[in-house]
N, C-alpha and C. Protein backbone atom coordinates (compact mmCIF):
# COMPACT_ATOMS: atom_id res chain seq x y z
N MET A 1 7.93 -24.84 2.52
CA MET A 1 8.24 -23.53 1.85
C MET A 1 8.40 -23.97 0.39
N THR A 2 7.82 -23.16 -0.44
CA THR A 2 7.89 -23.13 -1.82
C THR A 2 9.01 -22.38 -2.50
N VAL A 3 10.10 -23.08 -3.14
CA VAL A 3 11.14 -22.29 -3.65
C VAL A 3 11.13 -22.46 -5.29
N PRO A 4 10.86 -21.33 -6.04
CA PRO A 4 10.92 -21.63 -7.66
C PRO A 4 12.28 -22.11 -7.87
N SER A 5 12.20 -22.76 -8.98
CA SER A 5 13.40 -23.30 -9.68
C SER A 5 14.35 -22.30 -10.19
N ARG A 6 13.59 -21.36 -10.90
CA ARG A 6 14.27 -20.20 -11.52
C ARG A 6 13.13 -19.19 -11.86
N LEU A 7 13.73 -17.86 -11.56
CA LEU A 7 12.77 -16.67 -12.03
C LEU A 7 13.70 -16.07 -13.07
N GLU A 8 12.92 -16.08 -14.25
CA GLU A 8 13.74 -15.63 -15.42
C GLU A 8 12.96 -14.88 -16.32
N GLY A 9 13.53 -14.11 -17.11
CA GLY A 9 12.83 -13.13 -18.25
C GLY A 9 13.78 -13.05 -19.30
N PRO A 10 13.63 -14.00 -20.55
CA PRO A 10 14.65 -14.04 -21.74
C PRO A 10 15.07 -12.42 -22.03
N GLY A 11 16.26 -12.15 -22.07
CA GLY A 11 16.61 -10.85 -22.63
C GLY A 11 16.68 -9.71 -21.46
N LEU A 12 16.52 -10.09 -20.20
CA LEU A 12 16.36 -9.23 -19.08
C LEU A 12 17.73 -9.36 -18.21
N ILE A 13 18.20 -8.41 -17.61
CA ILE A 13 19.26 -8.49 -16.64
C ILE A 13 18.50 -8.41 -15.27
N ILE A 14 18.55 -9.54 -14.61
CA ILE A 14 17.70 -9.71 -13.38
C ILE A 14 18.66 -9.71 -12.11
N ALA A 15 18.29 -9.16 -11.14
CA ALA A 15 19.00 -9.30 -9.73
C ALA A 15 18.00 -9.13 -8.69
N GLY A 16 18.31 -9.93 -7.63
CA GLY A 16 17.67 -10.00 -6.45
C GLY A 16 18.04 -8.96 -5.41
N LEU A 17 17.14 -8.17 -4.77
CA LEU A 17 17.67 -7.10 -3.78
C LEU A 17 17.18 -7.54 -2.39
N THR A 18 18.11 -7.64 -1.30
CA THR A 18 17.49 -8.02 -0.06
C THR A 18 18.38 -7.08 0.89
N GLY A 19 18.12 -7.42 2.27
CA GLY A 19 18.74 -6.62 3.31
C GLY A 19 18.20 -7.31 4.54
N GLY A 20 18.38 -6.34 5.39
CA GLY A 20 17.70 -6.80 6.82
C GLY A 20 16.87 -5.71 7.26
N ILE A 21 16.01 -5.83 8.36
CA ILE A 21 14.94 -4.96 8.85
C ILE A 21 15.78 -3.67 9.07
N ALA A 22 15.40 -2.42 8.68
CA ALA A 22 15.99 -1.09 8.97
C ALA A 22 17.32 -1.08 8.35
N SER A 23 17.63 -1.83 7.31
CA SER A 23 18.80 -1.61 6.57
C SER A 23 18.84 -0.54 5.56
N GLY A 24 17.70 -0.05 5.17
CA GLY A 24 17.51 0.99 4.13
C GLY A 24 17.28 0.21 2.72
N LYS A 25 16.71 -0.90 2.59
CA LYS A 25 16.53 -1.57 1.38
C LYS A 25 15.71 -0.77 0.37
N SER A 26 14.56 -0.35 0.93
CA SER A 26 13.74 0.55 0.18
C SER A 26 14.23 1.79 -0.42
N THR A 27 15.25 2.34 0.46
CA THR A 27 15.99 3.50 0.10
C THR A 27 16.74 3.20 -1.30
N VAL A 28 17.42 1.97 -1.23
CA VAL A 28 18.22 1.62 -2.29
C VAL A 28 17.35 1.24 -3.59
N ALA A 29 16.30 0.58 -3.29
CA ALA A 29 15.42 0.20 -4.47
C ALA A 29 14.90 1.45 -5.08
N ALA A 30 14.54 2.55 -4.30
CA ALA A 30 14.05 3.85 -5.02
C ALA A 30 15.30 4.43 -5.80
N MET A 31 16.57 4.38 -5.27
CA MET A 31 17.62 4.81 -5.97
C MET A 31 17.92 4.01 -7.38
N LEU A 32 17.76 2.78 -7.28
CA LEU A 32 17.83 2.01 -8.44
C LEU A 32 16.94 2.48 -9.33
N ALA A 33 15.74 2.64 -9.19
CA ALA A 33 14.61 2.84 -10.06
C ALA A 33 14.89 4.19 -10.58
N GLN A 34 15.60 5.23 -9.74
CA GLN A 34 15.91 6.62 -10.41
C GLN A 34 16.94 6.37 -11.41
N THR A 35 17.81 5.34 -11.25
CA THR A 35 18.90 5.09 -12.26
C THR A 35 18.50 4.54 -13.58
N GLY A 36 17.42 4.00 -13.62
CA GLY A 36 16.64 3.51 -14.75
C GLY A 36 16.37 2.04 -14.60
N ALA A 37 16.47 1.18 -13.38
CA ALA A 37 16.13 -0.08 -13.25
C ALA A 37 14.61 -0.22 -13.02
N ARG A 38 14.17 -1.35 -13.39
CA ARG A 38 12.59 -1.59 -13.13
C ARG A 38 12.59 -2.46 -11.84
N ILE A 39 11.71 -2.15 -10.87
CA ILE A 39 11.59 -2.74 -9.79
C ILE A 39 10.25 -3.44 -9.62
N ILE A 40 10.47 -4.77 -9.24
CA ILE A 40 9.35 -5.74 -8.99
C ILE A 40 9.41 -5.95 -7.43
N ASP A 41 8.26 -5.41 -6.73
CA ASP A 41 8.27 -5.38 -5.39
C ASP A 41 7.46 -6.60 -4.81
N ALA A 42 8.07 -7.55 -4.25
CA ALA A 42 7.48 -8.78 -3.86
C ALA A 42 6.65 -8.62 -2.58
N ASP A 43 6.96 -7.65 -1.89
CA ASP A 43 5.92 -7.18 -0.76
C ASP A 43 4.76 -6.76 -1.22
N ARG A 44 4.67 -5.89 -2.31
CA ARG A 44 3.29 -5.28 -2.84
C ARG A 44 2.58 -6.63 -3.44
N ILE A 45 3.23 -7.34 -4.32
CA ILE A 45 2.64 -8.53 -4.77
C ILE A 45 2.13 -9.35 -3.82
N ALA A 46 2.58 -9.55 -2.69
CA ALA A 46 2.27 -10.45 -1.67
C ALA A 46 0.99 -9.86 -0.95
N ARG A 47 1.06 -8.49 -0.93
CA ARG A 47 -0.30 -7.83 -0.46
C ARG A 47 -1.50 -8.03 -1.32
N ASP A 48 -1.08 -7.85 -2.65
CA ASP A 48 -2.13 -7.95 -3.74
C ASP A 48 -2.79 -9.30 -3.81
N VAL A 49 -1.99 -10.29 -3.68
CA VAL A 49 -2.45 -11.72 -3.94
C VAL A 49 -3.44 -12.20 -2.84
N VAL A 50 -3.31 -11.41 -1.68
CA VAL A 50 -4.32 -11.74 -0.51
C VAL A 50 -5.42 -10.80 -0.33
N ALA A 51 -5.59 -10.05 -1.43
CA ALA A 51 -6.72 -9.26 -1.33
C ALA A 51 -8.05 -9.95 -1.19
N PRO A 52 -9.02 -9.40 -0.86
CA PRO A 52 -10.45 -10.06 -0.76
C PRO A 52 -10.82 -10.62 -2.06
N GLY A 53 -11.24 -11.87 -2.25
CA GLY A 53 -11.79 -12.33 -3.37
C GLY A 53 -10.73 -13.10 -4.15
N ARG A 54 -9.54 -13.01 -3.85
CA ARG A 54 -8.35 -13.65 -4.41
C ARG A 54 -8.38 -15.02 -3.90
N GLU A 55 -7.64 -15.92 -4.74
CA GLU A 55 -7.52 -17.35 -4.32
C GLU A 55 -6.82 -17.61 -3.15
N ALA A 56 -5.65 -16.84 -3.13
CA ALA A 56 -4.68 -16.81 -1.82
C ALA A 56 -5.45 -16.36 -0.54
N PHE A 57 -6.44 -15.26 -0.72
CA PHE A 57 -6.92 -14.73 0.45
C PHE A 57 -7.88 -15.89 0.97
N GLN A 58 -8.70 -16.64 0.24
CA GLN A 58 -9.54 -17.61 0.51
C GLN A 58 -8.79 -18.61 1.31
N ALA A 59 -7.65 -19.15 0.72
CA ALA A 59 -6.83 -20.18 1.34
C ALA A 59 -6.21 -19.76 2.79
N VAL A 60 -5.90 -18.55 2.84
CA VAL A 60 -5.50 -18.02 4.16
C VAL A 60 -6.60 -18.05 5.11
N CYS A 61 -7.87 -17.65 4.85
CA CYS A 61 -8.97 -17.62 5.78
C CYS A 61 -9.26 -18.88 6.17
N VAL A 62 -9.17 -19.99 5.32
CA VAL A 62 -9.53 -21.32 5.51
C VAL A 62 -8.67 -21.88 6.48
N HIS A 63 -7.45 -21.53 6.33
CA HIS A 63 -6.30 -22.18 7.11
C HIS A 63 -6.24 -21.63 8.60
N PHE A 64 -6.48 -20.18 8.56
CA PHE A 64 -6.10 -19.54 9.77
C PHE A 64 -7.37 -19.05 10.60
N GLY A 65 -8.62 -19.12 9.77
CA GLY A 65 -9.65 -18.82 10.49
C GLY A 65 -10.16 -17.39 10.42
N GLU A 66 -11.34 -16.94 10.73
CA GLU A 66 -11.92 -15.71 10.81
C GLU A 66 -11.13 -14.69 11.71
N ALA A 67 -10.35 -15.25 12.71
CA ALA A 67 -9.45 -14.44 13.45
C ALA A 67 -8.57 -13.35 12.80
N VAL A 68 -8.28 -13.79 11.45
CA VAL A 68 -7.37 -12.88 10.65
C VAL A 68 -8.09 -11.84 9.89
N LEU A 69 -9.32 -11.74 10.07
CA LEU A 69 -10.07 -10.83 9.38
C LEU A 69 -10.58 -9.58 10.09
N GLN A 70 -10.55 -8.26 9.55
CA GLN A 70 -10.90 -7.22 10.06
C GLN A 70 -12.42 -7.15 9.98
N PRO A 71 -13.16 -6.38 10.72
CA PRO A 71 -14.58 -6.30 10.62
C PRO A 71 -15.04 -5.97 9.12
N ASP A 72 -14.32 -5.33 8.30
CA ASP A 72 -14.65 -4.88 7.02
C ASP A 72 -14.39 -6.08 5.98
N GLY A 73 -14.06 -7.21 6.54
CA GLY A 73 -13.62 -8.13 5.70
C GLY A 73 -12.17 -8.26 4.94
N GLN A 74 -11.49 -7.30 5.23
CA GLN A 74 -10.11 -7.16 4.85
C GLN A 74 -9.16 -8.09 5.82
N LEU A 75 -8.17 -8.48 5.11
CA LEU A 75 -7.08 -9.28 6.00
C LEU A 75 -6.45 -8.31 7.19
N ASP A 76 -6.54 -8.84 8.44
CA ASP A 76 -5.89 -8.07 9.43
C ASP A 76 -4.48 -8.55 9.52
N ARG A 77 -3.50 -7.59 8.69
CA ARG A 77 -2.18 -8.24 8.51
C ARG A 77 -1.33 -8.12 9.83
N ALA A 78 -1.87 -7.15 10.68
CA ALA A 78 -1.05 -7.03 11.98
C ALA A 78 -1.25 -8.21 12.81
N ARG A 79 -2.57 -8.78 12.84
CA ARG A 79 -2.79 -9.90 13.78
C ARG A 79 -2.15 -11.23 13.00
N LEU A 80 -2.24 -11.29 11.71
CA LEU A 80 -1.65 -12.45 11.17
C LEU A 80 -0.21 -12.59 11.28
N GLY A 81 0.50 -11.33 11.15
CA GLY A 81 1.86 -11.27 11.41
C GLY A 81 2.24 -11.61 12.78
N ALA A 82 1.38 -11.32 13.82
CA ALA A 82 1.57 -11.69 15.17
C ALA A 82 1.57 -12.99 15.48
N MET A 83 0.54 -13.89 14.59
CA MET A 83 0.39 -15.30 14.73
C MET A 83 1.52 -16.14 14.27
N VAL A 84 2.19 -15.48 13.24
CA VAL A 84 3.11 -16.30 12.51
C VAL A 84 4.60 -15.78 12.93
N PHE A 85 4.72 -14.82 13.61
CA PHE A 85 6.00 -14.19 14.09
C PHE A 85 6.91 -15.28 14.91
N ASN A 86 6.23 -15.81 15.99
CA ASN A 86 7.05 -16.71 16.85
C ASN A 86 6.63 -18.19 16.66
N ASP A 87 6.06 -18.28 15.45
CA ASP A 87 5.37 -19.79 15.26
C ASP A 87 6.04 -20.29 13.84
N PRO A 88 7.17 -20.96 13.80
CA PRO A 88 7.65 -21.22 12.70
C PRO A 88 6.78 -22.19 11.78
N ARG A 89 6.05 -23.09 12.36
CA ARG A 89 5.18 -23.92 11.51
C ARG A 89 4.05 -23.02 10.98
N ALA A 90 3.46 -21.97 11.70
CA ALA A 90 2.39 -21.18 11.17
C ALA A 90 3.10 -20.36 9.94
N ARG A 91 4.36 -19.84 10.12
CA ARG A 91 4.91 -19.06 9.13
C ARG A 91 5.21 -19.88 7.90
N GLN A 92 5.54 -21.05 7.86
CA GLN A 92 5.67 -22.08 6.94
C GLN A 92 4.43 -22.28 6.20
N ASP A 93 3.31 -22.42 6.82
CA ASP A 93 1.94 -22.49 6.42
C ASP A 93 1.62 -21.48 5.48
N LEU A 94 1.73 -20.20 6.05
CA LEU A 94 1.56 -19.15 5.32
C LEU A 94 2.35 -18.91 4.09
N GLU A 95 3.67 -19.23 4.07
CA GLU A 95 4.35 -19.10 2.94
C GLU A 95 3.88 -20.18 2.05
N ARG A 96 3.57 -21.37 2.38
CA ARG A 96 3.09 -22.35 1.58
C ARG A 96 1.90 -22.05 0.61
N ILE A 97 1.02 -21.18 1.25
CA ILE A 97 -0.07 -20.75 0.61
C ILE A 97 0.11 -19.69 -0.26
N VAL A 98 1.00 -18.73 0.16
CA VAL A 98 1.09 -17.33 -0.57
C VAL A 98 2.29 -17.46 -1.56
N HIS A 99 3.42 -18.05 -1.45
CA HIS A 99 4.54 -17.93 -2.36
C HIS A 99 4.24 -18.54 -3.60
N PRO A 100 3.51 -19.53 -3.93
CA PRO A 100 3.22 -19.90 -5.31
C PRO A 100 2.63 -18.72 -6.12
N PHE A 101 1.63 -18.06 -5.41
CA PHE A 101 0.70 -16.97 -6.23
C PHE A 101 1.78 -15.86 -6.34
N VAL A 102 2.55 -15.42 -5.50
CA VAL A 102 3.68 -14.43 -5.75
C VAL A 102 4.54 -14.76 -6.88
N PHE A 103 4.94 -16.03 -6.78
CA PHE A 103 5.93 -16.48 -7.87
C PHE A 103 5.25 -16.44 -9.25
N GLN A 104 3.98 -16.80 -9.32
CA GLN A 104 3.19 -16.73 -10.46
C GLN A 104 3.13 -15.13 -10.92
N GLN A 105 2.88 -14.40 -10.06
CA GLN A 105 2.77 -12.85 -10.58
C GLN A 105 4.16 -12.31 -10.92
N ILE A 106 5.18 -12.70 -10.12
CA ILE A 106 6.49 -12.11 -10.56
C ILE A 106 6.87 -12.63 -11.83
N SER A 107 6.69 -13.85 -12.20
CA SER A 107 6.96 -14.61 -13.61
C SER A 107 6.13 -13.88 -14.60
N ALA A 108 4.91 -13.46 -14.36
CA ALA A 108 4.12 -12.91 -15.36
C ALA A 108 4.65 -11.35 -15.61
N ASP A 109 5.11 -10.81 -14.46
CA ASP A 109 5.69 -9.39 -14.66
C ASP A 109 6.94 -9.46 -15.44
N LEU A 110 7.75 -10.51 -15.26
CA LEU A 110 9.11 -10.58 -16.01
C LEU A 110 8.82 -10.80 -17.56
N LYS A 111 7.78 -11.64 -17.75
CA LYS A 111 7.30 -12.02 -18.91
C LYS A 111 7.04 -10.79 -19.90
N GLN A 112 6.28 -9.75 -19.22
CA GLN A 112 5.72 -8.61 -19.72
C GLN A 112 6.90 -7.67 -20.01
N LEU A 113 7.88 -7.42 -19.12
CA LEU A 113 9.02 -6.60 -19.15
C LEU A 113 10.14 -7.14 -20.31
N ALA A 114 10.08 -8.57 -20.41
CA ALA A 114 10.82 -8.99 -21.44
C ALA A 114 10.37 -8.64 -22.78
N ALA A 115 8.91 -8.78 -22.87
CA ALA A 115 8.53 -8.50 -24.37
C ALA A 115 8.53 -6.73 -24.49
N ALA A 116 8.34 -6.03 -23.52
CA ALA A 116 8.22 -4.46 -23.65
C ALA A 116 9.53 -4.01 -23.67
N GLN A 117 10.50 -4.40 -22.76
CA GLN A 117 11.85 -3.60 -22.63
C GLN A 117 13.06 -4.63 -22.52
N PRO A 118 13.19 -5.33 -23.72
CA PRO A 118 14.31 -6.05 -23.81
C PRO A 118 15.69 -5.47 -23.28
N GLY A 119 16.46 -6.21 -22.60
CA GLY A 119 17.72 -5.53 -22.10
C GLY A 119 17.63 -4.80 -20.85
N ALA A 120 16.32 -4.67 -20.30
CA ALA A 120 16.17 -3.87 -19.00
C ALA A 120 16.86 -4.58 -17.84
N VAL A 121 17.32 -3.66 -16.87
CA VAL A 121 17.80 -4.21 -15.53
C VAL A 121 16.66 -4.28 -14.75
N VAL A 122 16.29 -5.43 -14.41
CA VAL A 122 15.10 -5.72 -13.39
C VAL A 122 15.52 -6.14 -11.97
N ILE A 123 15.22 -5.28 -10.93
CA ILE A 123 15.38 -5.59 -9.51
C ILE A 123 14.38 -6.37 -8.93
N LEU A 124 14.36 -7.38 -8.34
CA LEU A 124 13.35 -8.13 -7.58
C LEU A 124 13.45 -7.79 -6.21
N ASP A 125 12.78 -6.79 -5.55
CA ASP A 125 13.04 -6.48 -4.16
C ASP A 125 12.05 -7.44 -3.23
N ILE A 126 12.98 -8.33 -2.66
CA ILE A 126 12.34 -9.39 -1.98
C ILE A 126 13.02 -9.46 -0.45
N PRO A 127 12.35 -8.81 0.55
CA PRO A 127 12.95 -8.84 1.92
C PRO A 127 13.64 -10.07 2.48
N LEU A 128 12.92 -11.25 2.56
CA LEU A 128 13.37 -12.49 2.94
C LEU A 128 13.95 -13.32 1.81
N LEU A 129 14.66 -12.81 0.87
CA LEU A 129 15.02 -13.45 -0.29
C LEU A 129 15.83 -14.70 0.16
N ILE A 130 16.85 -14.56 1.17
CA ILE A 130 17.71 -15.70 1.24
C ILE A 130 17.09 -16.57 2.38
N GLU A 131 16.28 -16.10 3.36
CA GLU A 131 15.75 -16.96 4.24
C GLU A 131 14.66 -17.75 3.66
N SER A 132 13.98 -17.37 2.60
CA SER A 132 12.88 -18.03 1.95
C SER A 132 13.62 -19.19 0.99
N GLY A 133 14.92 -19.00 0.66
CA GLY A 133 15.49 -19.93 -0.33
C GLY A 133 15.39 -19.35 -1.80
N TRP A 134 14.71 -18.30 -2.03
CA TRP A 134 14.36 -17.93 -3.41
C TRP A 134 15.71 -17.25 -3.97
N HIS A 135 16.70 -16.96 -3.30
CA HIS A 135 17.87 -16.51 -3.89
C HIS A 135 18.50 -17.69 -4.74
N THR A 136 18.17 -18.82 -4.68
CA THR A 136 18.61 -19.90 -5.54
C THR A 136 17.95 -19.86 -7.03
N ALA A 137 16.99 -18.99 -7.24
CA ALA A 137 16.25 -18.87 -8.39
C ALA A 137 16.85 -17.72 -9.11
N LEU A 138 17.78 -17.01 -8.62
CA LEU A 138 18.21 -15.70 -9.26
C LEU A 138 19.73 -15.80 -9.58
N PRO A 139 20.11 -15.10 -10.65
CA PRO A 139 21.54 -15.10 -11.14
C PRO A 139 22.34 -14.26 -10.40
N PHE A 140 21.80 -13.30 -9.74
CA PHE A 140 22.73 -12.06 -9.12
C PHE A 140 21.81 -11.44 -7.90
N ILE A 141 22.64 -11.49 -6.85
CA ILE A 141 22.12 -11.08 -5.51
C ILE A 141 22.86 -9.75 -5.03
N VAL A 142 21.91 -8.86 -4.74
CA VAL A 142 22.44 -7.51 -3.94
C VAL A 142 21.99 -7.52 -2.47
N LEU A 143 22.98 -7.23 -1.76
CA LEU A 143 22.58 -7.01 -0.28
C LEU A 143 22.86 -5.70 0.13
N VAL A 144 21.75 -4.98 0.82
CA VAL A 144 21.95 -3.77 1.30
C VAL A 144 22.26 -4.00 2.80
N HIS A 145 23.54 -3.68 3.26
CA HIS A 145 24.22 -3.83 4.57
C HIS A 145 24.28 -2.57 5.48
N VAL A 146 24.04 -2.95 6.69
CA VAL A 146 24.44 -1.96 7.65
C VAL A 146 24.76 -2.89 8.98
N PRO A 147 25.63 -2.36 9.89
CA PRO A 147 26.02 -3.17 11.04
C PRO A 147 24.67 -3.27 11.86
N GLU A 148 24.72 -4.55 12.64
CA GLU A 148 23.43 -4.72 13.39
C GLU A 148 23.08 -3.69 14.40
N ALA A 149 24.11 -3.04 14.99
CA ALA A 149 23.86 -2.06 15.96
C ALA A 149 23.24 -0.97 15.24
N LEU A 150 23.44 -0.48 14.08
CA LEU A 150 22.80 0.50 13.32
C LEU A 150 21.37 0.21 12.97
N GLN A 151 21.31 -1.24 12.68
CA GLN A 151 19.85 -1.68 12.54
C GLN A 151 18.90 -1.47 13.90
N LEU A 152 19.61 -1.66 14.83
CA LEU A 152 18.84 -1.59 16.17
C LEU A 152 18.48 -0.12 16.52
N SER A 153 19.59 0.82 16.30
CA SER A 153 19.29 2.11 16.54
C SER A 153 18.20 2.83 15.44
N ARG A 154 18.21 2.16 14.31
CA ARG A 154 17.30 2.90 13.28
C ARG A 154 15.88 2.22 13.60
N LEU A 155 15.75 1.05 13.93
CA LEU A 155 14.48 0.53 14.18
C LEU A 155 13.68 1.10 15.54
N ILE A 156 14.45 1.31 16.41
CA ILE A 156 14.07 2.12 17.70
C ILE A 156 13.45 3.44 17.24
N ARG A 157 14.36 4.08 16.54
CA ARG A 157 13.91 5.37 15.99
C ARG A 157 12.79 5.37 15.24
N ARG A 158 12.77 4.66 14.26
CA ARG A 158 11.77 4.51 13.20
C ARG A 158 10.45 4.13 13.62
N ASP A 159 10.45 3.07 14.49
CA ASP A 159 9.20 2.42 14.95
C ASP A 159 8.77 2.63 16.25
N GLY A 160 9.57 3.33 16.99
CA GLY A 160 9.35 3.60 18.54
C GLY A 160 9.27 2.34 19.22
N LEU A 161 10.20 1.47 18.93
CA LEU A 161 10.20 0.25 19.69
C LEU A 161 11.04 0.38 20.87
N SER A 162 10.86 -0.58 21.87
CA SER A 162 11.75 -0.78 22.89
C SER A 162 13.07 -1.48 22.40
N ALA A 163 14.15 -1.20 23.11
CA ALA A 163 15.43 -2.03 22.56
C ALA A 163 14.93 -3.58 22.52
N ALA A 164 14.42 -4.05 23.54
CA ALA A 164 13.99 -5.49 23.46
C ALA A 164 13.23 -5.97 22.35
N ASP A 165 12.22 -5.16 22.07
CA ASP A 165 11.33 -5.65 20.77
C ASP A 165 12.17 -5.26 19.55
N ALA A 166 12.96 -4.37 19.43
CA ALA A 166 13.78 -4.10 18.27
C ALA A 166 14.70 -5.39 17.99
N ARG A 167 15.41 -5.72 19.19
CA ARG A 167 16.28 -6.94 19.11
C ARG A 167 15.43 -8.20 18.63
N SER A 168 14.33 -8.48 19.07
CA SER A 168 13.54 -9.69 18.83
C SER A 168 13.24 -9.46 17.34
N ARG A 169 12.81 -8.45 16.82
CA ARG A 169 12.54 -8.50 15.38
C ARG A 169 13.87 -8.74 14.54
N ILE A 170 14.98 -8.12 14.88
CA ILE A 170 16.18 -8.36 14.32
C ILE A 170 16.54 -9.86 14.22
N ARG A 171 16.35 -10.35 15.44
CA ARG A 171 16.63 -11.92 15.70
C ARG A 171 15.73 -12.85 14.80
N ALA A 172 14.58 -12.36 14.50
CA ALA A 172 13.68 -13.19 13.76
C ALA A 172 14.04 -13.39 12.31
N GLN A 173 15.02 -12.54 11.98
CA GLN A 173 15.74 -12.74 10.59
C GLN A 173 17.04 -13.37 10.67
N MET A 174 17.52 -13.81 9.43
CA MET A 174 18.94 -14.27 9.45
C MET A 174 19.84 -13.09 9.74
N PRO A 175 20.85 -13.33 10.59
CA PRO A 175 21.60 -12.07 10.86
C PRO A 175 22.24 -11.60 9.44
N ILE A 176 22.33 -10.17 9.45
CA ILE A 176 22.74 -9.60 8.22
C ILE A 176 24.28 -9.96 7.90
N GLU A 177 24.98 -10.19 8.81
CA GLU A 177 26.40 -10.70 8.52
C GLU A 177 26.36 -12.07 7.71
N ALA A 178 25.42 -12.96 8.13
CA ALA A 178 25.48 -14.24 7.36
C ALA A 178 25.08 -14.07 6.05
N LYS A 179 24.40 -13.09 5.74
CA LYS A 179 23.83 -12.89 4.35
C LYS A 179 24.91 -12.39 3.35
N ARG A 180 26.05 -11.83 3.87
CA ARG A 180 27.18 -11.47 2.89
C ARG A 180 27.61 -12.51 2.06
N VAL A 181 27.72 -13.75 2.40
CA VAL A 181 28.35 -14.86 1.71
C VAL A 181 27.44 -15.21 0.53
N TYR A 182 26.07 -14.70 0.54
CA TYR A 182 25.24 -15.07 -0.67
C TYR A 182 25.22 -13.93 -1.73
N ALA A 183 26.01 -12.77 -1.36
CA ALA A 183 25.71 -11.62 -2.20
C ALA A 183 26.90 -11.59 -3.24
N ASP A 184 26.29 -11.18 -4.48
CA ASP A 184 27.42 -10.85 -5.50
C ASP A 184 27.68 -9.51 -5.46
N ALA A 185 26.91 -8.56 -4.79
CA ALA A 185 27.24 -7.21 -4.51
C ALA A 185 26.73 -6.68 -3.33
N ILE A 186 27.37 -5.74 -2.57
CA ILE A 186 27.00 -5.42 -1.23
C ILE A 186 27.00 -3.83 -1.25
N ILE A 187 25.78 -3.27 -0.99
CA ILE A 187 25.54 -1.66 -0.83
C ILE A 187 25.85 -1.35 0.59
N ASP A 188 26.74 -0.77 0.94
CA ASP A 188 26.96 -0.28 2.47
C ASP A 188 26.24 0.84 2.66
N ASN A 189 24.94 0.90 3.45
CA ASN A 189 24.01 1.89 3.49
C ASN A 189 24.21 2.59 5.03
N SER A 190 25.44 2.38 5.57
CA SER A 190 25.72 2.98 6.81
C SER A 190 26.17 4.44 7.00
N GLY A 191 26.54 4.91 5.84
CA GLY A 191 26.94 6.36 5.74
C GLY A 191 25.94 7.33 5.23
N PRO A 192 26.59 8.37 4.65
CA PRO A 192 25.61 9.39 4.23
C PRO A 192 24.95 9.04 2.86
N ARG A 193 23.73 9.64 2.48
CA ARG A 193 22.85 9.14 1.49
C ARG A 193 23.55 9.29 0.19
N ASP A 194 24.41 10.32 -0.13
CA ASP A 194 25.06 10.56 -1.22
C ASP A 194 26.24 9.33 -1.45
N ALA A 195 26.62 8.86 -0.31
CA ALA A 195 27.61 7.83 -0.36
C ALA A 195 27.00 6.46 -0.94
N THR A 196 25.64 6.38 -0.54
CA THR A 196 24.81 5.14 -0.87
C THR A 196 24.48 5.31 -2.35
N ARG A 197 24.17 6.43 -2.71
CA ARG A 197 23.79 6.79 -4.11
C ARG A 197 24.96 6.62 -5.14
N GLN A 198 26.30 6.87 -4.88
CA GLN A 198 27.43 6.62 -5.61
C GLN A 198 27.50 5.04 -5.66
N GLN A 199 27.14 4.25 -4.63
CA GLN A 199 27.38 2.76 -4.74
C GLN A 199 26.27 2.11 -5.62
N VAL A 200 25.19 2.86 -5.52
CA VAL A 200 23.97 2.39 -6.38
C VAL A 200 24.19 2.63 -7.89
N ARG A 201 24.78 3.76 -8.22
CA ARG A 201 25.19 4.18 -9.67
C ARG A 201 26.18 3.16 -10.19
N ALA A 202 27.28 2.81 -9.38
CA ALA A 202 28.11 1.87 -9.76
C ALA A 202 27.70 0.51 -9.88
N LEU A 203 26.74 0.03 -9.17
CA LEU A 203 26.04 -1.08 -9.17
C LEU A 203 25.13 -1.24 -10.50
N TYR A 204 24.53 -0.20 -10.74
CA TYR A 204 23.67 -0.17 -11.97
C TYR A 204 24.52 -0.36 -13.24
N ARG A 205 25.75 0.31 -13.26
CA ARG A 205 26.60 0.20 -14.35
C ARG A 205 27.15 -1.26 -14.38
N GLN A 206 27.52 -1.90 -13.30
CA GLN A 206 27.92 -3.34 -13.22
C GLN A 206 26.80 -4.08 -13.89
N LEU A 207 25.56 -3.94 -13.40
CA LEU A 207 24.60 -4.82 -13.93
C LEU A 207 24.42 -4.66 -15.43
N ARG A 208 24.43 -3.35 -15.89
CA ARG A 208 24.20 -3.19 -17.29
C ARG A 208 25.14 -3.90 -18.17
N ALA A 209 26.50 -4.34 -17.61
CA ALA A 209 27.39 -4.95 -18.23
C ALA A 209 27.31 -6.36 -18.31
N ILE A 210 26.33 -6.88 -17.52
CA ILE A 210 25.95 -8.39 -17.66
C ILE A 210 25.30 -8.71 -18.79
N ASP A 211 25.40 -9.90 -19.50
CA ASP A 211 24.65 -10.39 -20.60
C ASP A 211 23.22 -10.73 -20.06
N PRO A 212 22.24 -10.26 -20.84
CA PRO A 212 20.98 -10.53 -20.42
C PRO A 212 20.56 -11.99 -20.18
N VAL A 213 19.80 -12.46 -19.37
CA VAL A 213 19.35 -13.71 -18.89
C VAL A 213 18.74 -14.47 -20.02
N SER A 214 19.48 -15.72 -20.22
CA SER A 214 18.93 -16.51 -21.27
C SER A 214 18.37 -17.84 -20.70
N PRO A 215 17.25 -18.39 -21.31
CA PRO A 215 16.72 -19.59 -20.67
C PRO A 215 17.72 -20.79 -20.69
N SER A 216 18.89 -20.72 -21.63
CA SER A 216 19.82 -21.73 -21.59
C SER A 216 20.87 -21.77 -20.59
N GLU A 217 20.95 -20.56 -19.80
CA GLU A 217 22.08 -20.33 -18.75
C GLU A 217 21.79 -21.43 -17.57
N PRO A 218 22.69 -21.79 -16.82
CA PRO A 218 22.65 -22.73 -16.02
C PRO A 218 22.04 -22.12 -14.65
N ASP A 219 21.46 -22.73 -13.63
CA ASP A 219 20.97 -22.30 -12.43
C ASP A 219 22.22 -21.84 -11.64
N ARG A 220 22.09 -21.21 -10.54
CA ARG A 220 23.26 -20.77 -9.63
C ARG A 220 23.67 -22.08 -8.88
């Protein structure tokens, strides 16, 4: 697994955003964007770097074979996901291939934002931020939290999964309660949307009060 030493943008206020499956992280990210934060979506970047013709796409095909390709030559994300879901070694191989390209693009995006919008609050939306170890490269971590029982019911309702399949997907991630110790701020997303929005606005004010990231600041 490739873990960057530091994700930084001089003059920016940077925070990592994570949660658990069906915790509502995307909802919180959208609310943060509405308050004025800039969002860098690691999932979107990960999809972009494995587009046909990109270097990461070629490396994935070489490693996993043509079985991960659709007839039109696009990456079959569902099949690749199924291959790595219950195979830690395969998942680590995929991360080893893709993560350096994701890190490279995030670093480029931060550099552009630092030049264009000094002092901006930048949220790095990274689903498996803690599991991947990337939280060590960031100065501030935000966790979107809901009780596991609510994760389960939301996942069943949202994706039409059986209770057993939903539990399996939740168990594939670090327990959401275990993530609390890594968080500098926690958004409780188990209540009404307005309650979440109030917390997001308070978080944004908290982040705005932080001194922008400087290259001379120590690592976490």
